[in-house]
């Protein structure tokens, strides 16, 4: 009877260690996923800022082109009046 109790006790300790190990593994995997998610969110934020910067550059370029076009039209009109 004592042998059976000791065997159950040993089995229980082995199972406990196994479950603790699995729990630690899950905790490590969760931490890795959290780090990956944070990195992913930071990259999304950086890309959003880059998109806004490029949109601003396009807007500035378009504005400069329109201004240059108006200047050319005015110059042509002035040439035609001379």
C-alpha atoms as a PDB file:
ATOM      1  CA  UNK A   1       0.000   0.000   0.000  1.00  0.00           C
ATOM      2  CA  UNK A   2       2.827   2.379   0.871  1.00  0.00           C
ATOM      3  CA  UNK A   3       4.460   1.601  -2.480  1.00  0.00           C
ATOM      4  CA  UNK A   4       1.274   2.533  -4.326  1.00  0.00           C
ATOM      5  CA  UNK A   5       1.032   5.790  -2.371  1.00  0.00           C
ATOM      6  CA  UNK A   6       4.690   6.590  -3.101  1.00  0.00           C
ATOM      7  CA  UNK A   7       4.212   5.754  -6.780  1.00  0.00           C
ATOM      8  CA  UNK A   8       1.179   8.042  -6.932  1.00  0.00           C
ATOM      9  CA  UNK A   9       3.154  10.730  -5.122  1.00  0.00           C
ATOM     10  CA  UNK A  10       6.025  10.427  -7.612  1.00  0.00           C
ATOM     11  CA  UNK A  11       3.611  10.454 -10.533  1.00  0.00           C
ATOM     12  CA  UNK A  12       1.922  13.503  -9.128  1.00  0.00           C
ATOM     13  CA  UNK A  13       5.260  15.321  -8.743  1.00  0.00           C
ATOM     14  CA  UNK A  14       6.255  14.381 -12.292  1.00  0.00           C
ATOM     15  CA  UNK A  15       2.940  15.620 -13.647  1.00  0.00           C
ATOM     16  CA  UNK A  16       3.253  18.792 -11.595  1.00  0.00           C
ATOM     17  CA  UNK A  17       6.735  19.483 -13.025  1.00  0.00           C
ATOM     18  CA  UNK A  18       5.469  18.706 -16.522  1.00  0.00           C
ATOM     19  CA  UNK A  19       2.543  21.114 -16.135  1.00  0.00           C
ATOM     20  CA  UNK A  20       4.829  23.807 -14.703  1.00  0.00           C
ATOM     21  CA  UNK A  21       7.136  23.373 -17.673  1.00  0.00           C
ATOM     22  CA  UNK A  22       4.236  23.652 -20.105  1.00  0.00           C
ATOM     23  CA  UNK A  23       2.988  26.732 -18.295  1.00  0.00           C
ATOM     24  CA  UNK A  24       6.437  28.336 -18.532  1.00  0.00           C
ATOM     25  CA  UNK A  25       6.591  27.517 -22.238  1.00  0.00           C
ATOM     26  CA  UNK A  26       3.187  29.095 -22.790  1.00  0.00           C
ATOM     27  CA  UNK A  27       4.285  32.161 -20.839  1.00  0.00           C
ATOM     28  CA  UNK A  28       7.406  32.476 -23.011  1.00  0.00           C
ATOM     29  CA  UNK A  29       5.406  32.093 -26.210  1.00  0.00           C
ATOM     30  CA  UNK A  30       2.930  34.706 -25.024  1.00  0.00           C
ATOM     31  CA  UNK A  31       5.782  37.108 -24.281  1.00  0.00           C
ATOM     32  CA  UNK A  32       7.219  36.520 -27.772  1.00  0.00           C
ATOM     33  CA  UNK A  33       3.818  37.246 -29.312  1.00  0.00           C
ATOM     34  CA  UNK A  34       3.480  40.435 -27.266  1.00  0.00           C
ATOM     35  CA  UNK A  35       6.897  41.625 -28.457  1.00  0.00           C
ATOM     36  CA  UNK A  36       6.012  40.752 -32.060  1.00  0.00           C
ATOM     37  CA  UNK A  37       2.676  42.585 -31.772  1.00  0.00           C
ATOM     38  CA  UNK A  38       4.367  45.677 -30.319  1.00  0.00           C
ATOM     39  CA  UNK A  39       6.940  45.642 -33.111  1.00  0.00           C
ATOM     40  CA  UNK A  40       4.167  45.233 -35.685  1.00  0.00           C
ATOM     41  CA  UNK A  41       2.186  48.158 -34.244  1.00  0.00           C
ATOM     42  CA  UNK A  42       5.311  50.350 -34.249  1.00  0.00           C
ATOM     43  CA  UNK A  43       5.959  49.500 -37.897  1.00  0.00           C
ATOM     44  CA  UNK A  44       2.357  50.363 -38.788  1.00  0.00           C
ATOM     45  CA  UNK A  45       2.724  53.701 -37.014  1.00  0.00           C
ATOM     46  CA  UNK A  46       6.008  54.431 -38.823  1.00  0.00           C
ATOM     47  CA  UNK A  47       4.437  53.566 -42.177  1.00  0.00           C
ATOM     48  CA  UNK A  48       1.484  55.827 -41.410  1.00  0.00           C
ATOM     49  CA  UNK A  49       3.845  58.712 -40.703  1.00  0.00           C
ATOM     50  CA  UNK A  50       5.793  57.988 -43.900  1.00  0.00           C
ATOM     51  CA  UNK A  51       2.547  57.988 -45.911  1.00  0.00           C
ATOM     52  CA  UNK A  52       1.576  61.371 -44.453  1.00  0.00           C
ATOM     53  CA  UNK A  53       5.036  62.717 -45.273  1.00  0.00           C
ATOM     54  CA  UNK A  54       4.790  61.482 -48.872  1.00  0.00           C
ATOM     55  CA  UNK A  55       1.274  62.890 -49.238  1.00  0.00           C
ATOM     56  CA  UNK A  56       2.595  66.262 -48.057  1.00  0.00           C
ATOM     57  CA  UNK A  57       5.442  66.074 -50.578  1.00  0.00           C
ATOM     58  CA  UNK A  58       2.955  65.299 -53.360  1.00  0.00           C
ATOM     59  CA  UNK A  59       0.751  68.187 -52.280  1.00  0.00           C
ATOM     60  CA  UNK A  60       3.737  70.558 -52.220  1.00  0.00           C
ATOM     61  CA  UNK A  61       4.904  69.318 -55.612  1.00  0.00           C
ATOM     62  CA  UNK A  62       1.442  69.754 -57.123  1.00  0.00           C
ATOM     63  CA  UNK A  63       1.169  73.227 -55.670  1.00  0.00           C
ATOM     64  CA  UNK A  64       4.576  74.186 -57.070  1.00  0.00           C
ATOM     65  CA  UNK A  65       3.617  72.786 -60.499  1.00  0.00           C
ATOM     66  CA  UNK A  66       0.369  74.740 -60.532  1.00  0.00           C
ATOM     67  CA  UNK A  67       2.201  77.917 -59.564  1.00  0.00           C
ATOM     68  CA  UNK A  68       4.770  77.354 -62.310  1.00  0.00           C
ATOM     69  CA  UNK A  69       1.966  76.705 -64.818  1.00  0.00           C
ATOM     70  CA  UNK A  70       0.244  79.989 -63.895  1.00  0.00           C
ATOM     71  CA  UNK A  71       3.540  81.853 -64.295  1.00  0.00           C
ATOM     72  CA  UNK A  72       4.050  80.381 -67.765  1.00  0.00           C
ATOM     73  CA  UNK A  73       0.487  81.279 -68.787  1.00  0.00           C
ATOM     74  CA  UNK A  74       1.015  84.845 -67.556  1.00  0.00           C
ATOM     75  CA  UNK A  75       4.324  85.130 -69.388  1.00  0.00           C
ATOM     76  CA  UNK A  76       2.764  83.835 -72.610  1.00  0.00           C
ATOM     77  CA  UNK A  77      -0.080  86.298 -72.211  1.00  0.00           C
ATOM     78  CA  UNK A  78       2.414  89.124 -71.720  1.00  0.00           C
ATOM     79  CA  UNK A  79       4.396  88.037 -74.766  1.00  0.00           C
ATOM     80  CA  UNK A  80       1.220  88.057 -76.820  1.00  0.00           C
ATOM     81  CA  UNK A  81       0.460  91.625 -75.743  1.00  0.00           C
ATOM     82  CA  UNK A  82       3.869  92.931 -76.754  1.00  0.00           C
END
